Amino acid sequence: MRASDEQAVRDSRPRRDSVDLAGYPDLVVVYLGFRVGRLRGLRALLGIGRGLSQVQREMPDGLLAHENLVYGLNHIGMRQYWRDLESLEAFTRSDPHKTWWRDFSRDAAGNGFWHEAYRLSGGMEAIYVGMPRPIGLGTFAAARRPEGPFMTSRQRLAS
């Protein structure tokens, strides 16, 4: 046991830790959510679940960590930490993400999807598709349609 740990036990105080992000100057943190809105949406959720399992097994280049989250009985999500925006963009343009997004865009099956991205080097962005009420940044920031120069995550992060 380290001296600092022994001291913590003696003082009956919990140990405090932090992190040094100096090695990750381009870090991007992404929160994602999927809300099942109709019974037929469960099939879409199962398909996404298979893709997410693959992502967690294979850990694409640039994905530093992936954590599953539960927002409610019909609302699940995840938090991902990416080395940089380029790695995240490369992932979104490959399978399984590319196929899932294409299929979801064609037929959301009554479901909702959202993500919010935060860059350590500056900038935040969000997109909400089919969500019945605001969540996250959308609870206080003015809505804006993702079109034209506001279409991609990269463009929204630069705004």
C-alpha atoms as a PDB file:
ATOM      1  CA  MET A   1       0.000   0.000   0.000  1.00  0.00           C
ATOM      2  CA  ARG A   2       1.330   3.446  -0.915  1.00  0.00           C
ATOM      3  CA  ALA A   3       1.948   6.054   1.737  1.00  0.00           C
ATOM      4  CA  SER A   4      -0.787   8.237   0.265  1.00  0.00           C
ATOM      5  CA  ASP A   5      -3.223   5.310   0.471  1.00  0.00           C
ATOM      6  CA  GLU A   6      -2.266   4.638   4.080  1.00  0.00           C
ATOM      7  CA  GLN A   7      -2.811   8.298   4.843  1.00  0.00           C
ATOM      8  CA  ALA A   8      -6.247   8.163   3.195  1.00  0.00           C
ATOM      9  CA  VAL A   9      -7.218   5.147   5.290  1.00  0.00           C
ATOM     10  CA  ARG A  10      -5.981   6.843   8.449  1.00  0.00           C
ATOM     11  CA  ASP A  11      -7.912  10.003   7.653  1.00  0.00           C
ATOM     12  CA  SER A  12     -11.010   8.062   6.504  1.00  0.00           C
ATOM     13  CA  ARG A  13     -11.241  10.358   3.525  1.00  0.00           C
ATOM     14  CA  PRO A  14     -11.730   9.096  -0.005  1.00  0.00           C
ATOM     15  CA  ARG A  15      -8.746   9.319  -2.293  1.00  0.00           C
ATOM     16  CA  ARG A  16      -8.954  12.074  -4.900  1.00  0.00           C
ATOM     17  CA  ASP A  17      -7.658  11.629  -8.435  1.00  0.00           C
ATOM     18  CA  SER A  18      -7.750  13.652 -11.626  1.00  0.00           C
ATOM     19  CA  VAL A  19      -6.477  13.164 -15.173  1.00  0.00           C
ATOM     20  CA  ASP A  20      -3.723  14.702 -17.267  1.00  0.00           C
ATOM     21  CA  LEU A  21      -5.132  15.381 -20.731  1.00  0.00           C
ATOM     22  CA  ALA A  22      -1.937  16.995 -22.040  1.00  0.00           C
ATOM     23  CA  GLY A  23      -1.353  13.967 -24.280  1.00  0.00           C
ATOM     24  CA  TYR A  24      -4.788  14.406 -25.912  1.00  0.00           C
ATOM     25  CA  PRO A  25      -4.893  17.984 -27.235  1.00  0.00           C
ATOM     26  CA  ASP A  26      -7.439  17.096 -29.941  1.00  0.00           C
ATOM     27  CA  LEU A  27      -9.712  14.959 -27.741  1.00  0.00           C
ATOM     28  CA  VAL A  28     -13.378  14.770 -28.758  1.00  0.00           C
ATOM     29  CA  VAL A  29     -16.030  13.509 -26.342  1.00  0.00           C
ATOM     30  CA  VAL A  30     -19.299  12.352 -27.886  1.00  0.00           C
ATOM     31  CA  TYR A  31     -22.547  11.578 -26.097  1.00  0.00           C
ATOM     32  CA  LEU A  32     -25.116   9.633 -28.134  1.00  0.00           C
ATOM     33  CA  GLY A  33     -28.654   8.553 -27.433  1.00  0.00           C
ATOM     34  CA  PHE A  34     -31.255   6.325 -29.051  1.00  0.00           C
ATOM     35  CA  ARG A  35     -34.873   6.615 -27.939  1.00  0.00           C
ATOM     36  CA  VAL A  36     -37.317   3.879 -28.895  1.00  0.00           C
ATOM     37  CA  GLY A  37     -40.601   5.542 -29.815  1.00  0.00           C
ATOM     38  CA  ARG A  38     -42.585   2.580 -31.178  1.00  0.00           C
ATOM     39  CA  LEU A  39     -42.585  -1.166 -30.716  1.00  0.00           C
ATOM     40  CA  ARG A  40     -41.197  -1.739 -34.230  1.00  0.00           C
ATOM     41  CA  GLY A  41     -38.266   0.429 -33.231  1.00  0.00           C
ATOM     42  CA  LEU A  42     -36.914  -2.359 -31.047  1.00  0.00           C
ATOM     43  CA  ARG A  43     -35.677  -4.164 -34.187  1.00  0.00           C
ATOM     44  CA  ALA A  44     -33.657  -1.081 -35.158  1.00  0.00           C
ATOM     45  CA  LEU A  45     -32.258  -0.930 -31.649  1.00  0.00           C
ATOM     46  CA  LEU A  46     -31.168  -4.575 -31.816  1.00  0.00           C
ATOM     47  CA  GLY A  47     -29.363  -3.879 -35.099  1.00  0.00           C
ATOM     48  CA  ILE A  48     -27.558  -0.950 -33.585  1.00  0.00           C
ATOM     49  CA  GLY A  49     -26.692  -3.053 -30.554  1.00  0.00           C
ATOM     50  CA  ARG A  50     -24.915  -5.592 -32.758  1.00  0.00           C
ATOM     51  CA  GLY A  51     -22.955  -2.805 -34.423  1.00  0.00           C
ATOM     52  CA  LEU A  52     -22.001  -1.296 -31.076  1.00  0.00           C
ATOM     53  CA  SER A  53     -20.814  -4.672 -29.808  1.00  0.00           C
ATOM     54  CA  GLN A  54     -18.570  -4.875 -32.868  1.00  0.00           C
ATOM     55  CA  VAL A  55     -17.237  -1.375 -32.189  1.00  0.00           C
ATOM     56  CA  GLN A  56     -16.410  -2.281 -28.595  1.00  0.00           C
ATOM     57  CA  ARG A  57     -14.680  -5.529 -29.645  1.00  0.00           C
ATOM     58  CA  GLU A  58     -12.643  -4.023 -32.470  1.00  0.00           C
ATOM     59  CA  MET A  59     -12.053  -0.508 -31.076  1.00  0.00           C
ATOM     60  CA  PRO A  60     -11.603   1.466 -34.319  1.00  0.00           C
ATOM     61  CA  ASP A  61      -8.493   3.570 -34.717  1.00  0.00           C
ATOM     62  CA  GLY A  62      -8.801   6.691 -32.579  1.00  0.00           C
ATOM     63  CA  LEU A  63     -11.515   5.417 -30.212  1.00  0.00           C
ATOM     64  CA  LEU A  64      -9.956   5.655 -26.772  1.00  0.00           C
ATOM     65  CA  ALA A  65     -12.931   4.508 -24.677  1.00  0.00           C
ATOM     66  CA  HIS A  66     -16.600   3.578 -25.052  1.00  0.00           C
ATOM     67  CA  GLU A  67     -19.106   3.523 -22.181  1.00  0.00           C
ATOM     68  CA  ASN A  68     -22.745   2.439 -22.387  1.00  0.00           C
ATOM     69  CA  LEU A  69     -25.356   4.600 -20.664  1.00  0.00           C
ATOM     70  CA  VAL A  70     -29.030   4.250 -19.786  1.00  0.00           C
ATOM     71  CA  TYR A  71     -31.113   7.421 -19.879  1.00  0.00           C
ATOM     72  CA  GLY A  72     -34.473   5.733 -19.288  1.00  0.00           C
ATOM     73  CA  LEU A  73     -36.506   2.606 -19.955  1.00  0.00           C
ATOM     74  CA  ASN A  74     -36.756   3.375 -23.673  1.00  0.00           C
ATOM     75  CA  HIS A  75     -33.676   5.610 -24.027  1.00  0.00           C
ATOM     76  CA  ILE A  76     -30.147   4.227 -24.142  1.00  0.00           C
ATOM     77  CA  GLY A  77     -26.883   5.787 -25.118  1.00  0.00           C
ATOM     78  CA  MET A  78     -23.161   5.892 -24.885  1.00  0.00           C
ATOM     79  CA  ARG A  79     -20.222   8.163 -24.269  1.00  0.00           C
ATOM     80  CA  GLN A  80     -17.170   7.870 -26.476  1.00  0.00           C
ATOM     81  CA  TYR A  81     -13.735   9.456 -26.234  1.00  0.00           C
ATOM     82  CA  TRP A  82     -11.952   9.958 -29.570  1.00  0.00           C
ATOM     83  CA  ARG A  83      -8.296  10.895 -30.076  1.00  0.00           C
ATOM     84  CA  ASP A  84      -9.288  13.549 -32.641  1.00  0.00           C
ATOM     85  CA  LEU A  85     -12.056  14.660 -34.967  1.00  0.00           C
ATOM     86  CA  GLU A  86     -10.391  13.008 -37.973  1.00  0.00           C
ATOM     87  CA  SER A  87     -10.607   9.566 -36.321  1.00  0.00           C
ATOM     88  CA  LEU A  88     -14.240  10.121 -35.400  1.00  0.00           C
ATOM     89  CA  GLU A  89     -15.085  11.235 -38.938  1.00  0.00           C
ATOM     90  CA  ALA A  90     -13.307   8.216 -40.455  1.00  0.00           C
ATOM     91  CA  PHE A  91     -15.377   5.945 -38.223  1.00  0.00           C
ATOM     92  CA  THR A  92     -18.666   7.611 -39.152  1.00  0.00           C
ATOM     93  CA  ARG A  93     -17.889   7.054 -42.838  1.00  0.00           C
ATOM     94  CA  SER A  94     -17.258   3.317 -42.359  1.00  0.00           C
ATOM     95  CA  ASP A  95     -19.392   0.332 -41.353  1.00  0.00           C
ATOM     96  CA  PRO A  96     -21.215  -0.312 -39.123  1.00  0.00           C
ATOM     97  CA  HIS A  97     -21.950   3.390 -38.589  1.00  0.00           C
ATOM     98  CA  LYS A  98     -22.392   4.272 -42.259  1.00  0.00           C
ATOM     99  CA  THR A  99     -24.945   1.492 -42.828  1.00  0.00           C
ATOM    100  CA  TRP A 100     -26.837   2.177 -39.616  1.00  0.00           C
ATOM    101  CA  TRP A 101     -27.098   5.904 -40.356  1.00  0.00           C
ATOM    102  CA  ARG A 102     -28.221   5.287 -43.944  1.00  0.00           C
ATOM    103  CA  ASP A 103     -30.929   2.861 -42.790  1.00  0.00           C
ATOM    104  CA  PHE A 104     -32.049   5.124 -39.943  1.00  0.00           C
ATOM    105  CA  SER A 105     -32.240   8.119 -42.286  1.00  0.00           C
ATOM    106  CA  ARG A 106     -34.536   6.173 -44.618  1.00  0.00           C
ATOM    107  CA  ASP A 107     -36.867   4.955 -41.849  1.00  0.00           C
ATOM    108  CA  ALA A 108     -36.474   5.978 -38.218  1.00  0.00           C
ATOM    109  CA  ALA A 109     -39.292   3.528 -37.298  1.00  0.00           C
ATOM    110  CA  GLY A 110     -40.642   6.093 -34.838  1.00  0.00           C
ATOM    111  CA  ASN A 111     -37.337   6.282 -32.964  1.00  0.00           C
ATOM    112  CA  GLY A 112     -35.213   9.241 -32.044  1.00  0.00           C
ATOM    113  CA  PHE A 113     -31.452   9.700 -32.161  1.00  0.00           C
ATOM    114  CA  TRP A 114     -29.154  12.433 -30.972  1.00  0.00           C
ATOM    115  CA  HIS A 115     -25.506  13.180 -30.368  1.00  0.00           C
ATOM    116  CA  GLU A 116     -23.512  15.967 -28.802  1.00  0.00           C
ATOM    117  CA  ALA A 117     -19.788  16.436 -29.418  1.00  0.00           C
ATOM    118  CA  TYR A 118     -17.342  18.429 -27.311  1.00  0.00           C
ATOM    119  CA  ARG A 119     -13.780  19.242 -28.420  1.00  0.00           C
ATOM    120  CA  LEU A 120     -11.073  19.884 -25.869  1.00  0.00           C
ATOM    121  CA  SER A 121      -9.519  22.339 -28.342  1.00  0.00           C
ATOM    122  CA  GLY A 122     -12.809  24.236 -28.528  1.00  0.00           C
ATOM    123  CA  GLY A 123     -16.251  23.906 -29.999  1.00  0.00           C
ATOM    124  CA  MET A 124     -19.403  21.957 -29.247  1.00  0.00           C
ATOM    125  CA  GLU A 125     -22.104  20.697 -31.570  1.00  0.00           C
ATOM    126  CA  ALA A 126     -25.273  18.659 -31.509  1.00  0.00           C
ATOM    127  CA  ILE A 127     -27.884  17.053 -33.702  1.00  0.00           C
ATOM    128  CA  TYR A 128     -31.295  15.689 -32.715  1.00  0.00           C
ATOM    129  CA  VAL A 129     -33.372  13.509 -35.047  1.00  0.00           C
ATOM    130  CA  GLY A 130     -36.920  12.513 -34.172  1.00  0.00           C
ATOM    131  CA  MET A 131     -36.659  13.381 -30.499  1.00  0.00           C
ATOM    132  CA  PRO A 132     -40.057  14.210 -28.952  1.00  0.00           C
ATOM    133  CA  ARG A 133     -38.649  16.892 -26.654  1.00  0.00           C
ATOM    134  CA  PRO A 134     -35.365  18.724 -26.213  1.00  0.00           C
ATOM    135  CA  ILE A 135     -32.459  17.041 -24.469  1.00  0.00           C
ATOM    136  CA  GLY A 136     -28.966  18.208 -23.552  1.00  0.00           C
ATOM    137  CA  LEU A 137     -27.843  21.402 -25.269  1.00  0.00           C
ATOM    138  CA  GLY A 138     -31.260  21.567 -26.941  1.00  0.00           C
ATOM    139  CA  THR A 139     -32.930  22.325 -23.607  1.00  0.00           C
ATOM    140  CA  PHE A 140     -31.521  25.860 -23.585  1.00  0.00           C
ATOM    141  CA  ALA A 141     -29.855  26.720 -26.906  1.00  0.00           C
ATOM    142  CA  ALA A 142     -31.799  28.020 -29.908  1.00  0.00           C
ATOM    143  CA  ALA A 143     -32.692  25.387 -32.496  1.00  0.00           C
ATOM    144  CA  ARG A 144     -31.092  25.578 -35.931  1.00  0.00           C
ATOM    145  CA  ARG A 145     -31.623  23.262 -38.901  1.00  0.00           C
ATOM    146  CA  PRO A 146     -28.534  21.249 -39.921  1.00  0.00           C
ATOM    147  CA  GLU A 147     -28.300  22.365 -43.535  1.00  0.00           C
ATOM    148  CA  GLY A 148     -25.956  24.318 -45.769  1.00  0.00           C
ATOM    149  CA  PRO A 149     -22.836  25.423 -43.890  1.00  0.00           C
ATOM    150  CA  PHE A 150     -24.274  23.869 -40.717  1.00  0.00           C
ATOM    151  CA  MET A 151     -24.731  20.339 -42.149  1.00  0.00           C
ATOM    152  CA  THR A 152     -21.796  18.327 -40.754  1.00  0.00           C
ATOM    153  CA  SER A 153     -20.356  17.919 -37.283  1.00  0.00           C
ATOM    154  CA  ARG A 154     -17.139  19.560 -38.438  1.00  0.00           C
ATOM    155  CA  GLN A 155     -19.033  22.596 -39.736  1.00  0.00           C
ATOM    156  CA  ARG A 156     -21.092  22.886 -36.544  1.00  0.00           C
ATOM    157  CA  LEU A 157     -17.969  22.578 -34.378  1.00  0.00           C
ATOM    158  CA  ALA A 158     -16.406  25.471 -36.301  1.00  0.00           C
ATOM    159  CA  SER A 159     -19.447  27.740 -35.823  1.00  0.00           C
END
